[in-house]
Protein backbone atom coordinates (compact mmCIF):
# COMPACT_ATOMS: atom_id res chain seq x y z
CA UNK A 1 0.00 0.00 0.00
CA UNK A 2 1.43 3.33 -1.06
CA UNK A 3 1.20 6.28 1.29
CA UNK A 4 1.66 9.95 0.57
CA UNK A 5 2.92 9.64 -2.99
CA UNK A 6 3.87 12.90 -4.66
CA UNK A 7 2.41 13.09 -8.19
CA UNK A 8 5.14 14.24 -10.59
CA UNK A 9 3.18 13.45 -13.77
CA UNK A 10 3.31 16.99 -15.22
CA UNK A 11 7.12 16.88 -15.22
CA UNK A 12 7.76 13.30 -16.24
CA UNK A 13 6.00 13.16 -19.67
CA UNK A 14 6.44 9.42 -20.29
CA UNK A 15 4.44 7.46 -22.84
CA UNK A 16 4.45 3.95 -24.27
CA UNK A 17 3.51 3.46 -27.92
CA UNK A 18 1.54 0.51 -29.28
CA UNK A 19 4.77 -1.35 -30.10
CA UNK A 20 5.84 -1.20 -26.44
CA UNK A 21 8.51 1.46 -26.95
CA UNK A 22 8.94 3.90 -24.07
CA UNK A 23 9.44 7.63 -24.64
CA UNK A 24 10.40 10.55 -22.43
CA UNK A 25 9.51 13.93 -23.97
CA UNK A 26 9.20 12.20 -27.38
CA UNK A 27 12.71 10.73 -27.19
CA UNK A 28 12.86 6.92 -27.07
CA UNK A 29 14.24 5.55 -23.81
CA UNK A 30 16.93 3.06 -24.78
CA UNK A 31 18.94 2.75 -21.56
CA UNK A 32 18.27 -0.85 -20.42
CA UNK A 33 18.70 -0.03 -16.72
CA UNK A 34 16.17 2.80 -16.84
CA UNK A 35 13.72 0.73 -18.90
CA UNK A 36 14.04 -2.17 -16.47
CA UNK A 37 13.47 0.09 -13.47
CA UNK A 38 10.40 1.66 -15.09
CA UNK A 39 8.97 -1.72 -16.16
CA UNK A 40 9.41 -3.12 -12.66
CA UNK A 41 7.78 -0.05 -11.11
CA UNK A 42 4.83 0.02 -13.53
CA UNK A 43 1.43 -0.80 -12.09
CA UNK A 44 -2.25 -0.14 -12.69
CA UNK A 45 -4.14 2.04 -10.26
CA UNK A 46 -7.69 1.40 -9.08
CA UNK A 47 -9.07 3.30 -12.09
CA UNK A 48 -7.12 1.18 -14.59
CA UNK A 49 -4.56 3.90 -15.37
CA UNK A 50 -0.89 2.97 -15.69
CA UNK A 51 1.64 4.59 -13.42
CA UNK A 52 5.26 4.29 -12.39
CA UNK A 53 5.67 4.25 -8.63
CA UNK A 54 9.13 4.88 -7.26
CA UNK A 55 8.44 6.04 -3.74
CA UNK A 56 7.86 8.72 -2.76
CA UNK A 57 6.87 9.70 -6.31
CA UNK A 58 4.27 8.55 -8.80
CA UNK A 59 4.13 9.37 -12.50
CA UNK A 60 1.08 8.50 -14.62
CA UNK A 61 2.07 7.15 -18.02
CA UNK A 62 0.24 7.53 -21.32
CA UNK A 63 -0.14 4.06 -22.84
CA UNK A 64 -1.25 3.83 -26.46
CA UNK A 65 -2.42 0.20 -26.18
CA UNK A 66 -0.63 -2.11 -23.73
CA UNK A 67 2.60 -1.34 -21.86
CA UNK A 68 4.19 -4.67 -22.75
CA UNK A 69 4.33 -6.48 -26.09
CA UNK A 70 4.90 -10.15 -26.89
CA UNK A 71 8.08 -10.18 -28.99
CA UNK A 72 8.18 -13.94 -29.65
CA UNK A 73 6.77 -17.33 -28.74
CA UNK A 74 8.74 -20.10 -27.01
CA UNK A 75 7.95 -23.81 -26.74
CA UNK A 76 5.43 -25.91 -28.62
CA UNK A 77 1.80 -26.97 -28.40
CA UNK A 78 2.62 -30.39 -26.91
CA UNK A 79 4.83 -29.23 -24.04
CA UNK A 80 3.45 -25.74 -23.47
CA UNK A 81 4.00 -22.26 -24.79
CA UNK A 82 5.62 -19.20 -23.29
CA UNK A 83 5.70 -15.59 -24.39
CA UNK A 84 8.87 -13.50 -24.46
CA UNK A 85 8.03 -9.86 -23.82
CA UNK A 86 9.78 -6.77 -25.12
CA UNK A 87 11.15 -6.44 -21.56
CA UNK A 88 12.96 -9.83 -21.90
CA UNK A 89 10.61 -11.35 -19.31
CA UNK A 90 9.25 -14.80 -20.13
CA UNK A 91 5.78 -15.89 -18.98
CA UNK A 92 3.84 -19.09 -19.47
CA UNK A 93 1.07 -18.56 -22.03
CA UNK A 94 -2.43 -19.42 -20.87
CA UNK A 95 -4.13 -20.08 -24.24
CA UNK A 96 -7.56 -19.51 -22.68
CA UNK A 97 -6.68 -15.80 -22.38
CA UNK A 98 -5.99 -15.31 -26.09
CA UNK A 99 -8.28 -12.90 -27.89
CA UNK A 100 -8.35 -10.93 -31.12
CA UNK A 101 -9.08 -7.24 -30.70
CA UNK A 102 -9.57 -4.25 -32.93
CA UNK A 103 -7.62 -4.32 -36.23
CA UNK A 104 -7.07 -8.09 -35.75
CA UNK A 105 -4.47 -7.55 -33.03
CA UNK A 106 -3.85 -10.61 -30.84
CA UNK A 107 -3.73 -10.23 -27.04
CA UNK A 108 -3.25 -12.47 -24.04
CA UNK A 109 -3.33 -11.94 -20.30
CA UNK A 110 -0.30 -12.61 -18.12
CA UNK A 111 -0.57 -14.52 -14.83
CA UNK A 112 -0.55 -11.18 -12.94
CA UNK A 113 -3.60 -9.98 -14.91
CA UNK A 114 -1.71 -7.61 -17.23
CA UNK A 115 -3.06 -7.62 -20.79
CA UNK A 116 -0.34 -7.66 -23.47
CA UNK A 117 -0.37 -7.15 -27.21
CA UNK A 118 1.37 -9.50 -29.65
CA UNK A 119 3.89 -8.05 -32.08
CA UNK A 120 3.20 -8.91 -35.69
CA UNK A 121 6.07 -11.46 -35.73
CA UNK A 122 4.83 -13.19 -32.56
CA UNK A 123 1.25 -13.22 -33.88
CA UNK A 124 2.38 -14.89 -37.11
CA UNK A 125 4.46 -17.46 -35.21
CA UNK A 126 1.47 -18.40 -33.05
CA UNK A 127 -0.93 -18.28 -36.03
CA UNK A 128 1.10 -21.08 -37.66
CA UNK A 129 0.12 -23.26 -34.67
CA UNK A 130 -3.59 -22.39 -34.90
CA UNK A 131 -6.15 -24.13 -37.04
CA UNK A 132 -9.76 -23.85 -38.10
CA UNK A 133 -12.28 -26.21 -36.49
CA UNK A 134 -15.33 -27.79 -38.13
CA UNK A 135 -17.44 -24.71 -37.34
CA UNK A 136 -14.94 -22.36 -38.95
CA UNK A 137 -13.64 -20.98 -35.64
CA UNK A 138 -9.93 -20.39 -35.06
CA UNK A 139 -8.54 -22.63 -32.31
CA UNK A 140 -5.22 -23.42 -30.67
CA UNK A 141 -4.73 -27.02 -29.55
CA UNK A 142 -2.34 -27.52 -26.62
CA UNK A 143 -1.87 -30.95 -25.11
CA UNK A 144 -5.38 -32.42 -24.96
CA UNK A 145 -7.12 -29.02 -24.78
CA UNK A 146 -8.70 -26.97 -27.56
CA UNK A 147 -8.82 -23.20 -27.01
CA UNK A 148 -11.08 -21.04 -29.12
CA UNK A 149 -9.59 -17.65 -29.98
CA UNK A 150 -12.31 -15.13 -29.20
CA UNK A 151 -12.94 -11.83 -30.95
CA UNK A 152 -13.18 -8.99 -28.43
CA UNK A 153 -13.63 -5.25 -28.35
CA UNK A 154 -10.70 -3.22 -27.03
C-alpha atoms as a PDB file:
ATOM      1  CA  UNK A   1       0.000   0.000   0.000  1.00  0.00           C
ATOM      2  CA  UNK A   2       1.435   3.328  -1.058  1.00  0.00           C
ATOM      3  CA  UNK A   3       1.203   6.280   1.289  1.00  0.00           C
ATOM      4  CA  UNK A   4       1.656   9.946   0.570  1.00  0.00           C
ATOM      5  CA  UNK A   5       2.923   9.637  -2.986  1.00  0.00           C
ATOM      6  CA  UNK A   6       3.874  12.895  -4.658  1.00  0.00           C
ATOM      7  CA  UNK A   7       2.410  13.093  -8.191  1.00  0.00           C
ATOM      8  CA  UNK A   8       5.145  14.244 -10.585  1.00  0.00           C
ATOM      9  CA  UNK A   9       3.183  13.447 -13.765  1.00  0.00           C
ATOM     10  CA  UNK A  10       3.312  16.992 -15.216  1.00  0.00           C
ATOM     11  CA  UNK A  11       7.117  16.884 -15.222  1.00  0.00           C
ATOM     12  CA  UNK A  12       7.758  13.298 -16.244  1.00  0.00           C
ATOM     13  CA  UNK A  13       6.005  13.165 -19.666  1.00  0.00           C
ATOM     14  CA  UNK A  14       6.439   9.415 -20.291  1.00  0.00           C
ATOM     15  CA  UNK A  15       4.440   7.463 -22.843  1.00  0.00           C
ATOM     16  CA  UNK A  16       4.451   3.947 -24.272  1.00  0.00           C
ATOM     17  CA  UNK A  17       3.509   3.465 -27.923  1.00  0.00           C
ATOM     18  CA  UNK A  18       1.537   0.510 -29.278  1.00  0.00           C
ATOM     19  CA  UNK A  19       4.773  -1.348 -30.105  1.00  0.00           C
ATOM     20  CA  UNK A  20       5.835  -1.200 -26.438  1.00  0.00           C
ATOM     21  CA  UNK A  21       8.511   1.457 -26.949  1.00  0.00           C
ATOM     22  CA  UNK A  22       8.941   3.901 -24.065  1.00  0.00           C
ATOM     23  CA  UNK A  23       9.443   7.632 -24.642  1.00  0.00           C
ATOM     24  CA  UNK A  24      10.401  10.554 -22.434  1.00  0.00           C
ATOM     25  CA  UNK A  25       9.515  13.930 -23.969  1.00  0.00           C
ATOM     26  CA  UNK A  26       9.195  12.204 -27.381  1.00  0.00           C
ATOM     27  CA  UNK A  27      12.713  10.728 -27.187  1.00  0.00           C
ATOM     28  CA  UNK A  28      12.855   6.920 -27.070  1.00  0.00           C
ATOM     29  CA  UNK A  29      14.235   5.546 -23.806  1.00  0.00           C
ATOM     30  CA  UNK A  30      16.934   3.056 -24.778  1.00  0.00           C
ATOM     31  CA  UNK A  31      18.942   2.746 -21.555  1.00  0.00           C
ATOM     32  CA  UNK A  32      18.269  -0.845 -20.418  1.00  0.00           C
ATOM     33  CA  UNK A  33      18.696  -0.033 -16.719  1.00  0.00           C
ATOM     34  CA  UNK A  34      16.173   2.799 -16.840  1.00  0.00           C
ATOM     35  CA  UNK A  35      13.725   0.729 -18.897  1.00  0.00           C
ATOM     36  CA  UNK A  36      14.042  -2.172 -16.471  1.00  0.00           C
ATOM     37  CA  UNK A  37      13.466   0.087 -13.466  1.00  0.00           C
ATOM     38  CA  UNK A  38      10.402   1.664 -15.086  1.00  0.00           C
ATOM     39  CA  UNK A  39       8.971  -1.722 -16.165  1.00  0.00           C
ATOM     40  CA  UNK A  40       9.414  -3.122 -12.657  1.00  0.00           C
ATOM     41  CA  UNK A  41       7.779  -0.047 -11.112  1.00  0.00           C
ATOM     42  CA  UNK A  42       4.827   0.017 -13.535  1.00  0.00           C
ATOM     43  CA  UNK A  43       1.434  -0.799 -12.087  1.00  0.00           C
ATOM     44  CA  UNK A  44      -2.251  -0.136 -12.692  1.00  0.00           C
ATOM     45  CA  UNK A  45      -4.136   2.036 -10.258  1.00  0.00           C
ATOM     46  CA  UNK A  46      -7.689   1.399  -9.082  1.00  0.00           C
ATOM     47  CA  UNK A  47      -9.072   3.302 -12.093  1.00  0.00           C
ATOM     48  CA  UNK A  48      -7.118   1.184 -14.590  1.00  0.00           C
ATOM     49  CA  UNK A  49      -4.564   3.903 -15.371  1.00  0.00           C
ATOM     50  CA  UNK A  50      -0.888   2.969 -15.693  1.00  0.00           C
ATOM     51  CA  UNK A  51       1.635   4.589 -13.421  1.00  0.00           C
ATOM     52  CA  UNK A  52       5.256   4.288 -12.386  1.00  0.00           C
ATOM     53  CA  UNK A  53       5.668   4.249  -8.630  1.00  0.00           C
ATOM     54  CA  UNK A  54       9.133   4.879  -7.257  1.00  0.00           C
ATOM     55  CA  UNK A  55       8.439   6.036  -3.737  1.00  0.00           C
ATOM     56  CA  UNK A  56       7.864   8.723  -2.759  1.00  0.00           C
ATOM     57  CA  UNK A  57       6.875   9.698  -6.314  1.00  0.00           C
ATOM     58  CA  UNK A  58       4.270   8.548  -8.797  1.00  0.00           C
ATOM     59  CA  UNK A  59       4.126   9.373 -12.504  1.00  0.00           C
ATOM     60  CA  UNK A  60       1.081   8.499 -14.620  1.00  0.00           C
ATOM     61  CA  UNK A  61       2.073   7.155 -18.018  1.00  0.00           C
ATOM     62  CA  UNK A  62       0.242   7.535 -21.321  1.00  0.00           C
ATOM     63  CA  UNK A  63      -0.140   4.058 -22.843  1.00  0.00           C
ATOM     64  CA  UNK A  64      -1.247   3.828 -26.463  1.00  0.00           C
ATOM     65  CA  UNK A  65      -2.425   0.198 -26.180  1.00  0.00           C
ATOM     66  CA  UNK A  66      -0.626  -2.108 -23.726  1.00  0.00           C
ATOM     67  CA  UNK A  67       2.603  -1.345 -21.862  1.00  0.00           C
ATOM     68  CA  UNK A  68       4.192  -4.674 -22.755  1.00  0.00           C
ATOM     69  CA  UNK A  69       4.328  -6.476 -26.092  1.00  0.00           C
ATOM     70  CA  UNK A  70       4.905 -10.145 -26.890  1.00  0.00           C
ATOM     71  CA  UNK A  71       8.079 -10.181 -28.985  1.00  0.00           C
ATOM     72  CA  UNK A  72       8.179 -13.939 -29.648  1.00  0.00           C
ATOM     73  CA  UNK A  73       6.770 -17.330 -28.744  1.00  0.00           C
ATOM     74  CA  UNK A  74       8.738 -20.096 -27.015  1.00  0.00           C
ATOM     75  CA  UNK A  75       7.953 -23.806 -26.744  1.00  0.00           C
ATOM     76  CA  UNK A  76       5.429 -25.907 -28.620  1.00  0.00           C
ATOM     77  CA  UNK A  77       1.800 -26.971 -28.403  1.00  0.00           C
ATOM     78  CA  UNK A  78       2.620 -30.391 -26.911  1.00  0.00           C
ATOM     79  CA  UNK A  79       4.832 -29.229 -24.043  1.00  0.00           C
ATOM     80  CA  UNK A  80       3.452 -25.742 -23.467  1.00  0.00           C
ATOM     81  CA  UNK A  81       4.000 -22.265 -24.788  1.00  0.00           C
ATOM     82  CA  UNK A  82       5.618 -19.197 -23.286  1.00  0.00           C
ATOM     83  CA  UNK A  83       5.702 -15.590 -24.386  1.00  0.00           C
ATOM     84  CA  UNK A  84       8.872 -13.500 -24.464  1.00  0.00           C
ATOM     85  CA  UNK A  85       8.027  -9.859 -23.817  1.00  0.00           C
ATOM     86  CA  UNK A  86       9.781  -6.768 -25.117  1.00  0.00           C
ATOM     87  CA  UNK A  87      11.149  -6.443 -21.560  1.00  0.00           C
ATOM     88  CA  UNK A  88      12.963  -9.830 -21.897  1.00  0.00           C
ATOM     89  CA  UNK A  89      10.609 -11.346 -19.308  1.00  0.00           C
ATOM     90  CA  UNK A  90       9.248 -14.798 -20.125  1.00  0.00           C
ATOM     91  CA  UNK A  91       5.781 -15.893 -18.976  1.00  0.00           C
ATOM     92  CA  UNK A  92       3.837 -19.093 -19.475  1.00  0.00           C
ATOM     93  CA  UNK A  93       1.073 -18.559 -22.032  1.00  0.00           C
ATOM     94  CA  UNK A  94      -2.431 -19.416 -20.872  1.00  0.00           C
ATOM     95  CA  UNK A  95      -4.134 -20.083 -24.240  1.00  0.00           C
ATOM     96  CA  UNK A  96      -7.562 -19.509 -22.682  1.00  0.00           C
ATOM     97  CA  UNK A  97      -6.683 -15.796 -22.377  1.00  0.00           C
ATOM     98  CA  UNK A  98      -5.989 -15.311 -26.093  1.00  0.00           C
ATOM     99  CA  UNK A  99      -8.285 -12.896 -27.893  1.00  0.00           C
ATOM    100  CA  UNK A 100      -8.346 -10.927 -31.117  1.00  0.00           C
ATOM    101  CA  UNK A 101      -9.082  -7.236 -30.701  1.00  0.00           C
ATOM    102  CA  UNK A 102      -9.575  -4.252 -32.933  1.00  0.00           C
ATOM    103  CA  UNK A 103      -7.623  -4.318 -36.231  1.00  0.00           C
ATOM    104  CA  UNK A 104      -7.074  -8.089 -35.749  1.00  0.00           C
ATOM    105  CA  UNK A 105      -4.474  -7.547 -33.025  1.00  0.00           C
ATOM    106  CA  UNK A 106      -3.846 -10.609 -30.841  1.00  0.00           C
ATOM    107  CA  UNK A 107      -3.735 -10.227 -27.044  1.00  0.00           C
ATOM    108  CA  UNK A 108      -3.245 -12.469 -24.036  1.00  0.00           C
ATOM    109  CA  UNK A 109      -3.334 -11.939 -20.299  1.00  0.00           C
ATOM    110  CA  UNK A 110      -0.297 -12.615 -18.124  1.00  0.00           C
ATOM    111  CA  UNK A 111      -0.567 -14.522 -14.829  1.00  0.00           C
ATOM    112  CA  UNK A 112      -0.551 -11.183 -12.936  1.00  0.00           C
ATOM    113  CA  UNK A 113      -3.598  -9.977 -14.909  1.00  0.00           C
ATOM    114  CA  UNK A 114      -1.708  -7.609 -17.229  1.00  0.00           C
ATOM    115  CA  UNK A 115      -3.064  -7.618 -20.794  1.00  0.00           C
ATOM    116  CA  UNK A 116      -0.340  -7.658 -23.467  1.00  0.00           C
ATOM    117  CA  UNK A 117      -0.374  -7.154 -27.211  1.00  0.00           C
ATOM    118  CA  UNK A 118       1.375  -9.503 -29.650  1.00  0.00           C
ATOM    119  CA  UNK A 119       3.890  -8.053 -32.082  1.00  0.00           C
ATOM    120  CA  UNK A 120       3.202  -8.914 -35.689  1.00  0.00           C
ATOM    121  CA  UNK A 121       6.072 -11.459 -35.726  1.00  0.00           C
ATOM    122  CA  UNK A 122       4.825 -13.190 -32.555  1.00  0.00           C
ATOM    123  CA  UNK A 123       1.252 -13.219 -33.879  1.00  0.00           C
ATOM    124  CA  UNK A 124       2.380 -14.887 -37.114  1.00  0.00           C
ATOM    125  CA  UNK A 125       4.461 -17.462 -35.213  1.00  0.00           C
ATOM    126  CA  UNK A 126       1.471 -18.399 -33.052  1.00  0.00           C
ATOM    127  CA  UNK A 127      -0.927 -18.284 -36.032  1.00  0.00           C
ATOM    128  CA  UNK A 128       1.097 -21.081 -37.658  1.00  0.00           C
ATOM    129  CA  UNK A 129       0.118 -23.263 -34.669  1.00  0.00           C
ATOM    130  CA  UNK A 130      -3.588 -22.386 -34.904  1.00  0.00           C
ATOM    131  CA  UNK A 131      -6.152 -24.133 -37.042  1.00  0.00           C
ATOM    132  CA  UNK A 132      -9.756 -23.851 -38.104  1.00  0.00           C
ATOM    133  CA  UNK A 133     -12.276 -26.209 -36.494  1.00  0.00           C
ATOM    134  CA  UNK A 134     -15.334 -27.793 -38.131  1.00  0.00           C
ATOM    135  CA  UNK A 135     -17.445 -24.710 -37.336  1.00  0.00           C
ATOM    136  CA  UNK A 136     -14.936 -22.362 -38.953  1.00  0.00           C
ATOM    137  CA  UNK A 137     -13.643 -20.980 -35.641  1.00  0.00           C
ATOM    138  CA  UNK A 138      -9.931 -20.395 -35.064  1.00  0.00           C
ATOM    139  CA  UNK A 139      -8.544 -22.634 -32.315  1.00  0.00           C
ATOM    140  CA  UNK A 140      -5.224 -23.419 -30.669  1.00  0.00           C
ATOM    141  CA  UNK A 141      -4.725 -27.018 -29.546  1.00  0.00           C
ATOM    142  CA  UNK A 142      -2.338 -27.522 -26.625  1.00  0.00           C
ATOM    143  CA  UNK A 143      -1.868 -30.953 -25.112  1.00  0.00           C
ATOM    144  CA  UNK A 144      -5.375 -32.416 -24.960  1.00  0.00           C
ATOM    145  CA  UNK A 145      -7.123 -29.019 -24.778  1.00  0.00           C
ATOM    146  CA  UNK A 146      -8.703 -26.972 -27.561  1.00  0.00           C
ATOM    147  CA  UNK A 147      -8.817 -23.203 -27.007  1.00  0.00           C
ATOM    148  CA  UNK A 148     -11.085 -21.039 -29.121  1.00  0.00           C
ATOM    149  CA  UNK A 149      -9.592 -17.649 -29.984  1.00  0.00           C
ATOM    150  CA  UNK A 150     -12.305 -15.127 -29.200  1.00  0.00           C
ATOM    151  CA  UNK A 151     -12.938 -11.830 -30.952  1.00  0.00           C
ATOM    152  CA  UNK A 152     -13.177  -8.989 -28.427  1.00  0.00           C
ATOM    153  CA  UNK A 153     -13.634  -5.254 -28.348  1.00  0.00           C
ATOM    154  CA  UNK A 154     -10.702  -3.224 -27.034  1.00  0.00           C
END
